[in-house]
Amino acid sequence: MNGEAGYTLLPDGKVLSVDVIPPACTTRTTEAFDPATLLWSSAGTTPTPLVECGEWNEIGPQLMMYNGKVFAEGATPATALYDATTGTWSSGPTFPAVAGEQQDASDAGSALLPDGNVLLASRTGEVEVTGGAPSHFFLFDGTSFTRVADNATSAHGGLGYMVLLPTGQVLYNGLGPEGFEVYTDPGSPDPAWAPRITLLPTRLAAGITYQIVGLQFNGLSDGAAFGDDYQSSTDYPLVQITNDNTGTVAYARTSGMTNRSIAPNAPSCTSFTLPSGIDTGPSELRVIANGIASAPAPVTVGAGGSGTHACPNYTLSLAKAGTGSGTVTTSQAGIDCGATCSHAYPNGTVVTLTATPATGSALAGWSGGGCSGSGTCIVTLSSDSAVTASFTLVPETLTLSKRGDGAGAVTSSPAGINCGTGCRHAYDYGSSVTLSPRAAKGSSFGGWAGACTGKASCVLTMTAARSVKASFVKDCVVPKLKGKSLKAAKRALKAHDCSAGKIKRAFSKTVKKGRVISQKPKPRKRLKHGAKVKLTVSKGKPR
C-alpha cells in the first residue's frame, strides 16, 4: 500500500519512496521503482525513523537537490539524505524546537530554491487545515538548518503548500485566512543547472506551435512537494518571451516533451504555442525549469513565422550477435526485426530495449549506445546510436559413467568426453553429440544405459542435461572343466565370465557320476562375455 507515501524522481529515471505502512514505520525500509522494468527493489533503510506511526503514518516531503542527494524530511524531528549515485542513506539535521515546541515536517511544504537550498516549513504536531500552531520556516543548505524569520503580518497555521514560480520565487499558500505569501531567494543559481537552448525558430507568429530543442529542459529536480501528499512538480519547460521594446513578458504553453528526465544534460524537444495578443517585435526567448532560466535567445515576433522547426530525428540501429538467439522489444514502437534493424526517433526520446533469449540461449550482454551488462538497455537519443545485443547458447552438461568388470573408454564427437571410469562435459544447447565406445583388450562393450540404449554408437541432442552409462565386460576365457562336478564347473564358468550351455549326460567307465566328461569349446578359448560352454556330464559306469 502507498497511503501517505511520498515519491521522488531520481536522475536515473527511478522513483524513490520511503515505506510508511506498518511495520515499515519501525523498520525504516525504502524502495525504488524502475519504470523500465515495472519492478520495485530495496533502496536501503533510513538511519533514523522518519515516519510517525499512528492512525495516518505521516512523513514529510522529500526533494532531489542539486548536490545529487534526496532530502527526506520526517514527521518525526529527524531528516535523512539519500545519495542517488551510491544508493546509500545518511543522517540529516534534526528539526529544532521553536519557543519550546518541537518542530517536524508532517504535512508541510518544501521547495528547492534556484540557489540549491531547500526552503521548508515546519509544524508542531498534528494540526487542522486552518488554525493551530503556526508554521515556521527554515533553509537547508545540504548540511544544516538556518531559521527564516516569520512574516510579521501573518502567522500561518496548519497546512501549507509551496510552488516554485518562473521568477525563482516561492509562492506559499497557507490555506488559511492569511492567503498567499511570496518568498524571494536571496541567492543565485549555478549556471550549470540552467536549461540550454540548442535549436529554435527565430521568427515567431501568434497562435502558431513551434518546436524548440535543448538540454535540461526538465530541470534537475521535481522542484517542490507537500508532505507525503503532493509533488508540486516544476520539472517541465516554460517558454518565456520578453519584448525588447515594451518589456512585456508572455508565456507560451508547452506540450509534447520528448524526454522527462531530470538527469544532467538530458536532451529534449518540446512544442510551444505563442499566445494570441502577444506583443510583436524583437524579443528574448528563455526556457525556464525549476525557476532557473536559460540564456536568452533573440527572436522576432510578428506576422509570417519562419517555420515550426521540427524536432530532429536520430536513428537507433539494433544488431544481434553471438552463437545464441533471442528477440529484442522496445518501449517505443519501431524496433521489430530479425538480425538487424533501425528506426528514427525524435531527439531526447528514451528507448528501453529488453532482450528475451530463446530457449537454450542467454543474453551475454549489450554494447553500444552507452549500454552494458545483461539488464535492460536504456538509450537516450541525442545522436545516431548503434546497439548490439549478444546472445550465447546455454551449455548443457553430458555426464558419462562406466559400469561392469571390463575395461574400455568412451570418446565423443565433438570432443569433450574422453574417459575411462567417468567424466562430464558441457556442450552448447541443441548440439548433436555422438558417443563411441572402445573396449580394452580382454573386454567388450556391454551396452548403454540412461539416455542411450543398445550397443551402437550413442547420438544425443543436447536440449537438456544428459546422463549416460557405458558397460564394459571381461571376455569369456574358457576354463578347464573336465573332472569337475557340475556345480563346480558352473562356478568356474561364471568366474571366467562364461556360462553353462547345453548339458548332455552320458555313461563313462572312467569319470565318476556327476562329473564333467568333456566340454566344448576347449579350455583357453577366448569368447564374448557370457558365452555358453557345452558340457557332457557322466551318468556313471554303464550297467
Protein backbone atom coordinates (compact mmCIF):
# COMPACT_ATOMS: atom_id res chain seq x y z
CA MET A 1 0.00 0.00 0.00
CA ASN A 2 1.17 3.55 -0.69
CA GLY A 3 -1.17 5.61 1.51
CA GLU A 4 0.62 8.68 2.94
CA ALA A 5 3.78 7.87 0.95
CA GLY A 6 5.81 10.42 -1.00
CA TYR A 7 7.72 9.92 -4.24
CA THR A 8 10.86 11.49 -5.69
CA LEU A 9 12.04 11.23 -9.28
CA LEU A 10 15.76 10.31 -9.47
CA PRO A 11 18.22 11.21 -12.26
CA ASP A 12 18.36 7.58 -13.43
CA GLY A 13 14.60 7.58 -14.03
CA LYS A 14 13.70 5.52 -10.97
CA VAL A 15 11.31 6.76 -8.28
CA LEU A 16 12.27 6.74 -4.59
CA SER A 17 9.76 6.22 -1.79
CA VAL A 18 10.05 5.74 1.97
CA ASP A 19 7.74 2.96 3.21
CA VAL A 20 5.15 4.16 5.71
CA ILE A 21 2.61 1.36 6.23
CA PRO A 22 3.37 -0.71 9.39
CA PRO A 23 5.72 -2.32 10.09
CA ALA A 24 7.70 -0.02 7.78
CA CYS A 25 7.30 2.88 10.21
CA THR A 26 9.58 0.94 12.58
CA THR A 27 11.79 -0.99 10.13
CA ARG A 28 12.65 2.24 8.21
CA THR A 29 12.66 0.49 4.80
CA THR A 30 12.69 2.36 1.49
CA GLU A 31 12.08 1.28 -2.10
CA ALA A 32 12.85 2.34 -5.68
CA PHE A 33 10.51 1.78 -8.63
CA ASP A 34 12.03 1.24 -12.08
CA PRO A 35 9.60 2.31 -14.86
CA ALA A 36 11.73 0.45 -17.40
CA THR A 37 11.07 -2.93 -15.78
CA LEU A 38 7.94 -2.08 -13.72
CA LEU A 39 9.69 -3.60 -10.70
CA TRP A 40 10.32 -2.41 -7.14
CA SER A 41 13.62 -3.00 -5.35
CA SER A 42 15.03 -2.17 -1.94
CA ALA A 43 16.65 1.26 -1.58
CA GLY A 44 18.03 0.53 1.88
CA THR A 45 16.91 1.77 5.29
CA THR A 46 16.88 5.28 6.69
CA PRO A 47 19.37 5.80 9.54
CA THR A 48 16.63 7.11 11.86
CA PRO A 49 12.81 6.80 11.85
CA LEU A 50 11.13 9.37 9.59
CA VAL A 51 7.58 8.04 9.87
CA GLU A 52 5.23 8.98 12.67
CA CYS A 53 3.47 5.69 13.38
CA GLY A 54 -0.19 6.21 14.14
CA GLU A 55 -3.57 6.50 12.52
CA TRP A 56 -2.15 8.14 9.37
CA ASN A 57 1.54 7.08 9.45
CA GLU A 58 2.71 10.53 8.38
CA ILE A 59 6.04 11.51 6.78
CA GLY A 60 7.35 14.82 5.45
CA PRO A 61 8.27 15.87 1.88
CA GLN A 62 11.37 14.65 0.04
CA LEU A 63 13.19 16.60 -2.68
CA MET A 64 16.03 15.88 -5.10
CA MET A 65 18.74 18.51 -4.50
CA TYR A 66 21.37 19.79 -6.89
CA ASN A 67 24.09 18.07 -4.84
CA GLY A 68 22.80 14.69 -6.03
CA LYS A 69 21.04 13.81 -2.78
CA VAL A 70 17.40 13.46 -1.84
CA PHE A 71 16.49 15.41 1.29
CA ALA A 72 13.80 13.46 3.14
CA GLU A 73 12.04 15.27 5.98
CA GLY A 74 10.39 13.36 8.77
CA ALA A 75 7.08 13.63 10.56
CA THR A 76 9.44 12.92 13.43
CA PRO A 77 12.11 15.51 14.23
CA ALA A 78 14.60 13.53 12.10
CA THR A 79 15.70 14.04 8.48
CA ALA A 80 17.81 11.89 6.15
CA LEU A 81 19.75 12.15 2.89
CA TYR A 82 19.71 9.58 0.08
CA ASP A 83 22.71 9.63 -2.27
CA ALA A 84 21.28 8.91 -5.73
CA THR A 85 24.72 7.92 -7.04
CA THR A 86 25.74 5.41 -4.36
CA GLY A 87 22.23 4.37 -3.28
CA THR A 88 23.04 4.94 0.40
CA TRP A 89 21.36 6.83 3.24
CA SER A 90 22.91 9.15 5.82
CA SER A 91 21.54 11.20 8.67
CA GLY A 92 20.44 14.79 8.16
CA PRO A 93 19.96 17.52 10.78
CA THR A 94 17.27 17.28 13.44
CA PHE A 95 14.45 19.81 13.50
CA PRO A 96 14.93 22.26 16.36
CA ALA A 97 12.40 23.42 18.92
CA VAL A 98 10.86 26.88 18.44
CA ALA A 99 9.58 28.63 21.56
CA GLY A 100 9.80 25.32 23.38
CA GLU A 101 7.76 23.48 20.71
CA GLN A 102 9.47 20.60 18.88
CA GLN A 103 9.21 21.02 15.12
CA ASP A 104 8.72 18.41 12.38
CA ALA A 105 7.61 18.29 8.72
CA SER A 106 4.35 16.38 8.95
CA ASP A 107 2.06 17.70 6.18
CA ALA A 108 4.42 20.60 5.48
CA GLY A 109 5.57 22.27 2.27
CA SER A 110 9.06 22.27 0.80
CA ALA A 111 10.66 23.78 -2.35
CA LEU A 112 14.08 23.62 -3.98
CA LEU A 113 15.33 27.17 -4.48
CA PRO A 114 17.31 28.24 -7.56
CA ASP A 115 20.43 28.69 -5.41
CA GLY A 116 20.30 25.00 -4.37
CA ASN A 117 18.98 25.47 -0.84
CA VAL A 118 15.68 23.96 0.27
CA LEU A 119 13.01 26.24 1.73
CA LEU A 120 10.88 24.25 4.14
CA ALA A 121 8.06 24.82 6.56
CA SER A 122 7.85 23.04 9.89
CA ARG A 123 4.95 22.25 12.18
CA THR A 124 4.28 21.41 15.78
CA GLY A 125 2.47 18.08 15.98
CA GLU A 126 -0.87 17.37 14.27
CA VAL A 127 -2.93 20.47 13.43
CA GLU A 128 -6.02 21.08 11.37
CA VAL A 129 -6.18 22.61 7.91
CA THR A 130 -6.65 26.04 9.41
CA GLY A 131 -5.67 27.33 12.79
CA GLY A 132 -3.44 25.54 15.27
CA ALA A 133 0.22 26.14 15.94
CA PRO A 134 1.90 28.46 13.43
CA SER A 135 4.29 27.21 10.75
CA HIS A 136 7.92 28.22 10.88
CA PHE A 137 10.41 28.33 8.03
CA PHE A 138 13.98 27.13 7.53
CA LEU A 139 16.62 26.93 4.83
CA PHE A 140 18.57 23.70 4.39
CA ASP A 141 21.92 24.05 2.61
CA GLY A 142 22.72 20.35 2.38
CA THR A 143 24.24 20.25 5.85
CA SER A 144 22.33 22.32 8.38
CA PHE A 145 19.20 24.42 9.04
CA THR A 146 19.03 28.22 9.12
CA ARG A 147 15.89 29.81 10.55
CA VAL A 148 13.95 32.12 8.22
CA ALA A 149 12.14 34.94 10.00
CA ASP A 150 8.35 34.51 10.11
CA ASN A 151 6.27 37.13 8.32
CA ALA A 152 5.38 39.67 10.98
CA THR A 153 1.98 40.33 9.42
CA SER A 154 0.77 36.73 9.41
CA ALA A 155 1.06 33.56 11.43
CA HIS A 156 0.23 30.62 9.21
CA GLY A 157 -1.17 27.62 10.97
CA GLY A 158 -1.87 24.13 9.68
CA LEU A 159 -1.22 23.01 6.12
CA GLY A 160 0.81 24.99 3.66
CA TYR A 161 1.69 24.39 0.00
CA MET A 162 4.72 25.71 -1.88
CA VAL A 163 5.26 26.09 -5.60
CA LEU A 164 8.31 27.45 -7.38
CA LEU A 165 7.45 30.32 -9.75
CA PRO A 166 9.17 31.09 -13.09
CA THR A 167 10.78 34.07 -11.37
CA GLY A 168 12.57 31.75 -8.95
CA GLN A 169 10.38 32.93 -6.09
CA VAL A 170 8.31 30.56 -3.95
CA LEU A 171 4.57 31.02 -3.65
CA TYR A 172 3.32 29.82 -0.25
CA ASN A 173 -0.35 29.03 0.28
CA GLY A 174 -1.15 28.64 3.95
CA LEU A 175 -4.74 27.51 3.26
CA GLY A 176 -5.91 29.83 6.00
CA PRO A 177 -7.22 33.39 6.18
CA GLU A 178 -3.67 34.71 5.70
CA GLY A 179 -3.82 33.86 1.96
CA PHE A 180 -0.68 33.73 -0.16
CA GLU A 181 2.86 34.84 0.56
CA VAL A 182 5.93 35.04 -1.66
CA TYR A 183 9.48 34.15 -0.64
CA THR A 184 12.33 35.62 -2.70
CA ASP A 185 15.53 33.58 -2.92
CA PRO A 186 18.46 35.78 -1.90
CA GLY A 187 20.96 33.57 -3.77
CA SER A 188 21.56 32.82 -7.43
CA PRO A 189 21.75 29.54 -9.35
CA ASP A 190 24.81 27.78 -10.68
CA PRO A 191 24.75 28.37 -14.47
CA ALA A 192 25.30 24.62 -14.95
CA TRP A 193 21.78 24.00 -13.56
CA ALA A 194 20.05 26.11 -16.23
CA PRO A 195 18.31 24.75 -19.34
CA ARG A 196 20.25 25.26 -22.57
CA ILE A 197 18.69 26.02 -25.95
CA THR A 198 20.42 24.42 -28.95
CA LEU A 199 17.88 24.95 -31.77
CA LEU A 200 14.78 27.11 -32.19
CA PRO A 201 12.93 29.13 -34.85
CA THR A 202 13.86 32.80 -34.80
CA ARG A 203 10.71 34.35 -36.35
CA LEU A 204 7.51 33.59 -34.46
CA ALA A 205 3.84 34.34 -35.00
CA ALA A 206 0.92 34.38 -32.53
CA GLY A 207 -1.19 31.24 -32.39
CA ILE A 208 1.44 29.04 -34.08
CA THR A 209 3.01 25.98 -32.45
CA TYR A 210 6.76 25.59 -32.74
CA GLN A 211 9.38 23.16 -31.50
CA ILE A 212 12.46 24.01 -29.52
CA VAL A 213 15.46 21.76 -28.86
CA GLY A 214 17.90 21.79 -25.97
CA LEU A 215 19.32 20.23 -22.81
CA GLN A 216 17.99 20.06 -19.24
CA PHE A 217 14.58 21.37 -20.29
CA ASN A 218 13.05 19.45 -17.38
CA GLY A 219 15.42 20.82 -14.79
CA LEU A 220 17.30 18.64 -12.34
CA SER A 221 14.62 18.03 -9.70
CA ASP A 222 10.87 17.64 -9.14
CA GLY A 223 11.10 21.10 -7.59
CA ALA A 224 8.53 21.19 -4.78
CA ALA A 225 6.39 18.90 -2.62
CA PHE A 226 3.83 18.99 0.14
CA GLY A 227 4.27 16.45 2.90
CA ASP A 228 3.52 12.96 1.70
CA ASP A 229 0.51 14.00 -0.36
CA TYR A 230 1.53 16.14 -3.34
CA GLN A 231 4.51 16.63 -5.63
CA SER A 232 4.14 20.23 -6.88
CA SER A 233 6.47 19.46 -9.75
CA THR A 234 8.16 22.24 -11.69
CA ASP A 235 10.35 19.89 -13.74
CA TYR A 236 8.85 20.91 -17.06
CA PRO A 237 9.87 23.63 -19.52
CA LEU A 238 8.21 27.05 -19.53
CA VAL A 239 8.87 29.19 -22.60
CA GLN A 240 9.11 32.88 -21.63
CA ILE A 241 9.17 35.64 -24.23
CA THR A 242 10.11 39.19 -23.21
CA ASN A 243 9.52 42.02 -25.69
CA ASP A 244 12.60 44.21 -26.08
CA ASN A 245 10.58 47.41 -26.62
CA THR A 246 7.72 47.10 -24.14
CA GLY A 247 9.27 44.77 -21.58
CA THR A 248 6.05 42.75 -21.62
CA VAL A 249 6.53 39.15 -20.55
CA ALA A 250 4.44 36.39 -22.13
CA TYR A 251 4.49 32.65 -21.55
CA ALA A 252 3.92 30.11 -24.31
CA ARG A 253 2.15 26.91 -23.39
CA THR A 254 4.41 23.85 -23.81
CA SER A 255 3.49 20.27 -24.67
CA GLY A 256 4.83 17.02 -26.10
CA MET A 257 8.17 16.88 -24.30
CA THR A 258 10.21 14.02 -25.81
CA ASN A 259 12.09 13.43 -22.57
CA ARG A 260 11.00 13.95 -18.94
CA SER A 261 14.35 13.01 -17.43
CA ILE A 262 15.95 15.17 -14.75
CA ALA A 263 19.41 13.75 -15.48
CA PRO A 264 22.12 16.35 -16.17
CA ASN A 265 22.35 17.31 -19.84
CA ALA A 266 19.30 15.25 -20.81
CA PRO A 267 18.37 16.16 -24.40
CA SER A 268 14.77 17.06 -25.21
CA CYS A 269 12.41 18.70 -27.63
CA THR A 270 9.22 20.48 -26.64
CA SER A 271 6.43 22.16 -28.54
CA PHE A 272 5.31 25.67 -27.56
CA THR A 273 2.38 27.74 -28.80
CA LEU A 274 2.55 31.55 -28.88
CA PRO A 275 -0.48 33.14 -27.20
CA SER A 276 -2.73 35.42 -29.18
CA GLY A 277 -2.23 39.11 -28.45
CA ILE A 278 1.49 38.75 -27.73
CA ASP A 279 3.46 41.97 -28.34
CA THR A 280 5.27 41.97 -31.67
CA GLY A 281 8.80 42.99 -32.42
CA PRO A 282 12.28 41.98 -31.29
CA SER A 283 12.16 39.80 -28.18
CA GLU A 284 14.19 37.44 -25.99
CA LEU A 285 13.13 33.83 -25.53
CA ARG A 286 14.12 31.80 -22.49
CA VAL A 287 13.32 28.29 -21.29
CA ILE A 288 12.68 28.09 -17.53
CA ALA A 289 12.67 24.95 -15.37
CA ASN A 290 12.69 24.87 -11.56
CA GLY A 291 12.67 28.67 -11.57
CA ILE A 292 16.01 28.81 -13.41
CA ALA A 293 16.11 30.49 -16.84
CA SER A 294 18.27 29.61 -19.80
CA ALA A 295 20.46 32.17 -21.52
CA PRO A 296 18.23 34.40 -23.72
CA ALA A 297 17.88 33.67 -27.41
CA PRO A 298 16.88 36.54 -29.79
CA VAL A 299 13.62 36.06 -31.71
CA THR A 300 11.25 38.28 -33.65
CA VAL A 301 7.51 38.08 -33.03
CA GLY A 302 5.27 39.15 -35.89
CA ALA A 303 3.43 38.01 -38.98
CA GLY A 304 4.88 35.18 -41.03
CA GLY A 305 6.85 32.87 -38.77
CA SER A 306 9.94 31.07 -40.01
CA GLY A 307 8.54 27.56 -39.80
CA THR A 308 7.95 25.24 -36.91
CA HIS A 309 11.46 23.74 -36.84
CA ALA A 310 10.63 20.06 -36.45
CA CYS A 311 12.43 18.22 -33.72
CA PRO A 312 15.48 16.48 -35.25
CA ASN A 313 15.32 12.70 -35.57
CA TYR A 314 18.14 10.32 -34.76
CA THR A 315 18.48 6.71 -35.85
CA LEU A 316 18.75 3.87 -33.37
CA SER A 317 20.23 0.78 -35.01
CA LEU A 318 19.99 -2.66 -33.43
CA ALA A 319 22.05 -5.72 -34.28
CA LYS A 320 22.14 -9.18 -32.76
CA ALA A 321 25.30 -11.22 -32.40
CA GLY A 322 26.66 -14.35 -30.78
CA THR A 323 26.02 -18.08 -31.05
CA GLY A 324 22.62 -17.86 -29.36
CA SER A 325 19.35 -16.30 -30.42
CA GLY A 326 16.57 -14.17 -28.97
CA THR A 327 14.28 -11.23 -29.55
CA VAL A 328 14.53 -7.55 -28.60
CA THR A 329 11.50 -5.41 -27.81
CA THR A 330 11.31 -1.67 -27.19
CA SER A 331 9.33 0.73 -25.08
CA GLN A 332 8.84 2.81 -28.22
CA ALA A 333 7.48 1.42 -31.48
CA GLY A 334 9.95 0.95 -34.31
CA ILE A 335 12.41 -1.79 -33.43
CA ASP A 336 10.95 -5.09 -34.65
CA CYS A 337 13.46 -7.10 -36.60
CA GLY A 338 15.41 -10.27 -37.12
CA ALA A 339 19.17 -9.92 -37.13
CA THR A 340 19.34 -6.14 -37.66
CA CYS A 341 17.01 -3.15 -37.95
CA SER A 342 16.85 0.58 -37.30
CA HIS A 343 14.32 3.30 -36.58
CA ALA A 344 14.38 7.09 -36.33
CA TYR A 345 13.19 8.75 -33.11
CA PRO A 346 12.85 12.43 -32.11
CA ASN A 347 15.72 14.00 -30.19
CA GLY A 348 15.58 13.17 -26.49
CA THR A 349 13.42 10.08 -26.90
CA VAL A 350 14.22 7.49 -24.25
CA VAL A 351 14.09 3.99 -25.71
CA THR A 352 14.21 0.96 -23.41
CA LEU A 353 15.44 -2.21 -25.08
CA THR A 354 14.52 -5.52 -23.45
CA ALA A 355 16.11 -8.77 -24.61
CA THR A 356 14.28 -12.10 -24.39
CA PRO A 357 16.60 -15.06 -25.07
CA ALA A 358 15.23 -18.04 -27.00
CA THR A 359 15.07 -21.41 -25.29
CA GLY A 360 18.62 -22.61 -24.72
CA SER A 361 20.14 -19.14 -25.08
CA ALA A 362 21.08 -16.36 -22.68
CA LEU A 363 21.82 -12.66 -23.11
CA ALA A 364 25.58 -12.32 -22.93
CA GLY A 365 25.34 -8.53 -22.79
CA TRP A 366 24.78 -5.23 -24.56
CA SER A 367 27.28 -3.00 -26.31
CA GLY A 368 26.94 0.44 -27.84
CA GLY A 369 24.52 3.24 -27.03
CA GLY A 370 26.02 3.55 -23.54
CA CYS A 371 24.62 0.13 -22.60
CA SER A 372 26.42 -2.77 -20.96
CA GLY A 373 25.63 -5.75 -18.76
CA SER A 374 22.67 -8.07 -19.15
CA GLY A 375 19.76 -5.99 -17.80
CA THR A 376 17.60 -3.64 -19.81
CA CYS A 377 19.32 -1.21 -22.19
CA ILE A 378 18.13 2.40 -21.97
CA VAL A 379 19.20 4.74 -24.77
CA THR A 380 18.51 8.48 -24.79
CA LEU A 381 18.70 9.67 -28.39
CA SER A 382 20.73 12.83 -28.92
CA SER A 383 22.66 11.46 -31.92
CA ASP A 384 22.60 8.37 -34.11
CA SER A 385 23.26 5.33 -31.93
CA ALA A 386 24.01 1.66 -32.60
CA VAL A 387 23.33 -1.08 -30.06
CA THR A 388 24.25 -4.76 -30.25
CA ALA A 389 22.55 -7.50 -28.23
CA SER A 390 24.79 -10.55 -27.92
CA PHE A 391 23.15 -13.91 -27.22
CA THR A 392 25.06 -17.04 -26.28
CA LEU A 393 23.98 -20.65 -26.22
CA VAL A 394 23.42 -22.07 -22.75
CA PRO A 395 25.69 -25.11 -22.15
CA GLU A 396 24.08 -28.40 -21.18
CA THR A 397 26.15 -31.00 -19.34
CA LEU A 398 26.65 -34.57 -20.57
CA THR A 399 27.74 -36.92 -17.77
CA LEU A 400 29.27 -40.33 -18.56
CA SER A 401 29.88 -43.13 -16.05
CA LYS A 402 31.19 -46.67 -16.53
CA ARG A 403 29.97 -49.93 -15.08
CA GLY A 404 30.83 -53.62 -15.45
CA ASP A 405 34.01 -55.58 -14.69
CA GLY A 406 35.65 -54.90 -18.03
CA ALA A 407 37.82 -52.07 -19.24
CA GLY A 408 37.36 -49.55 -22.01
CA ALA A 409 36.96 -45.88 -22.91
CA VAL A 410 34.33 -43.63 -24.48
CA THR A 411 35.07 -40.69 -26.76
CA SER A 412 32.76 -38.06 -28.20
CA SER A 413 32.33 -36.07 -31.37
CA PRO A 414 32.61 -33.12 -30.98
CA ALA A 415 35.42 -33.54 -28.48
CA GLY A 416 34.83 -33.27 -24.77
CA ILE A 417 34.20 -36.79 -23.50
CA ASN A 418 37.35 -38.92 -23.40
CA CYS A 419 37.48 -41.03 -20.30
CA GLY A 420 37.53 -44.46 -18.77
CA THR A 421 35.84 -44.51 -15.38
CA GLY A 422 33.71 -41.38 -15.90
CA CYS A 423 33.71 -37.72 -16.89
CA ARG A 424 31.48 -34.85 -17.95
CA HIS A 425 31.49 -32.03 -20.46
CA ALA A 426 29.24 -29.05 -21.26
CA TYR A 427 28.02 -28.68 -24.85
CA ASP A 428 26.11 -25.84 -26.48
CA TYR A 429 22.37 -26.14 -26.26
CA GLY A 430 20.93 -28.09 -29.18
CA SER A 431 24.25 -29.52 -30.34
CA SER A 432 24.47 -33.15 -31.51
CA VAL A 433 26.96 -35.35 -29.66
CA THR A 434 28.00 -38.87 -30.73
CA LEU A 435 29.48 -41.22 -28.10
CA SER A 436 31.67 -44.07 -29.31
CA PRO A 437 32.80 -46.94 -27.01
CA ARG A 438 36.18 -48.65 -27.34
CA ALA A 439 36.75 -51.82 -25.30
CA ALA A 440 40.21 -52.65 -23.94
CA LYS A 441 41.93 -55.93 -24.78
CA GLY A 442 40.25 -58.74 -22.93
CA SER A 443 36.98 -56.81 -22.61
CA SER A 444 33.99 -56.00 -24.75
CA PHE A 445 31.34 -53.31 -24.77
CA GLY A 446 28.23 -54.50 -22.96
CA GLY A 447 25.84 -51.68 -23.96
CA TRP A 448 24.41 -48.29 -22.90
CA ALA A 449 22.04 -47.27 -20.14
CA GLY A 450 20.48 -43.95 -19.22
CA ALA A 451 19.95 -41.55 -22.13
CA CYS A 452 21.18 -44.21 -24.59
CA THR A 453 20.29 -47.87 -25.15
CA GLY A 454 21.63 -50.73 -27.24
CA LYS A 455 25.22 -51.25 -28.32
CA ALA A 456 25.52 -48.98 -31.35
CA SER A 457 27.08 -45.52 -31.21
CA CYS A 458 25.03 -43.19 -28.99
CA VAL A 459 23.76 -39.96 -30.63
CA LEU A 460 22.35 -37.28 -28.30
CA THR A 461 20.79 -33.86 -28.90
CA MET A 462 21.76 -31.60 -26.00
CA THR A 463 18.49 -29.82 -25.27
CA ALA A 464 18.87 -30.72 -21.59
CA ALA A 465 21.43 -32.23 -19.24
CA ARG A 466 22.05 -35.88 -20.14
CA SER A 467 23.44 -38.85 -18.18
CA VAL A 468 24.78 -41.98 -19.89
CA LYS A 469 26.24 -45.22 -18.52
CA ALA A 470 28.63 -47.35 -20.57
CA SER A 471 29.07 -51.02 -19.65
CA PHE A 472 32.35 -52.82 -20.33
CA VAL A 473 32.65 -56.52 -19.50
CA LYS A 474 35.53 -59.01 -19.50
CA ASP A 475 35.74 -61.61 -22.27
CA CYS A 476 34.94 -65.24 -21.54
CA VAL A 477 38.17 -67.28 -21.28
CA VAL A 478 37.02 -70.89 -21.16
CA PRO A 479 38.40 -72.69 -18.07
CA LYS A 480 39.41 -76.36 -17.87
CA LEU A 481 36.32 -78.17 -16.58
CA LYS A 482 36.99 -81.90 -17.15
CA GLY A 483 36.65 -83.91 -13.95
CA LYS A 484 34.85 -81.13 -12.04
CA SER A 485 31.42 -81.62 -10.56
CA LEU A 486 28.66 -79.89 -12.46
CA LYS A 487 28.25 -77.41 -9.60
CA ALA A 488 31.98 -76.63 -9.54
CA ALA A 489 32.03 -76.33 -13.31
CA LYS A 490 29.24 -73.72 -13.29
CA ARG A 491 31.09 -71.73 -10.62
CA ALA A 492 34.27 -71.82 -12.71
CA LEU A 493 32.40 -70.69 -15.83
CA LYS A 494 30.86 -67.71 -14.01
CA ALA A 495 34.22 -66.74 -12.57
CA HIS A 496 35.65 -66.65 -16.08
CA ASP A 497 32.71 -64.57 -17.50
CA CYS A 498 31.28 -67.61 -19.28
CA SER A 499 28.05 -69.51 -18.76
CA ALA A 500 26.87 -73.08 -18.96
CA GLY A 501 25.29 -74.05 -22.24
CA LYS A 502 23.59 -77.31 -23.20
CA ILE A 503 24.34 -80.09 -20.75
CA LYS A 504 24.47 -83.63 -22.11
CA ARG A 505 24.67 -86.72 -19.92
CA ALA A 506 26.47 -89.96 -20.90
CA PHE A 507 27.85 -93.15 -19.32
CA SER A 508 31.58 -93.25 -18.65
CA LYS A 509 33.83 -96.07 -17.50
CA THR A 510 36.46 -93.63 -16.20
CA VAL A 511 34.65 -90.49 -15.00
CA LYS A 512 32.65 -90.60 -11.84
CA LYS A 513 28.95 -89.91 -11.96
CA GLY A 514 28.08 -86.19 -11.91
CA ARG A 515 31.44 -85.01 -13.17
CA VAL A 516 32.36 -83.41 -16.49
CA ILE A 517 33.47 -85.81 -19.16
CA SER A 518 34.10 -83.20 -21.87
CA GLN A 519 33.49 -79.53 -22.85
CA LYS A 520 33.08 -77.51 -25.98
CA PRO A 521 34.86 -75.24 -26.72
CA LYS A 522 38.16 -76.39 -25.32
CA PRO A 523 39.96 -74.66 -22.42
CA ARG A 524 41.71 -71.28 -23.01
CA LYS A 525 39.40 -70.38 -25.86
CA ARG A 526 38.52 -66.60 -25.79
CA LEU A 527 34.86 -65.80 -26.42
CA LYS A 528 32.47 -62.92 -25.89
CA HIS A 529 31.37 -62.19 -22.36
CA GLY A 530 28.76 -64.70 -21.20
CA ALA A 531 29.45 -67.18 -24.00
CA LYS A 532 27.93 -70.61 -23.42
CA VAL A 533 30.07 -73.69 -22.97
CA LYS A 534 28.52 -77.10 -23.71
CA LEU A 535 29.17 -79.80 -21.14
CA THR A 536 28.93 -83.59 -21.13
CA VAL A 537 28.36 -84.97 -17.62
CA SER A 538 28.91 -88.58 -16.56
CA LYS A 539 25.96 -90.79 -15.62
CA GLY A 540 28.41 -93.27 -14.14
CA LYS A 541 29.55 -96.69 -15.44
CA PRO A 542 27.29 -98.47 -17.84
CA ARG A 543 25.21 -101.30 -16.30
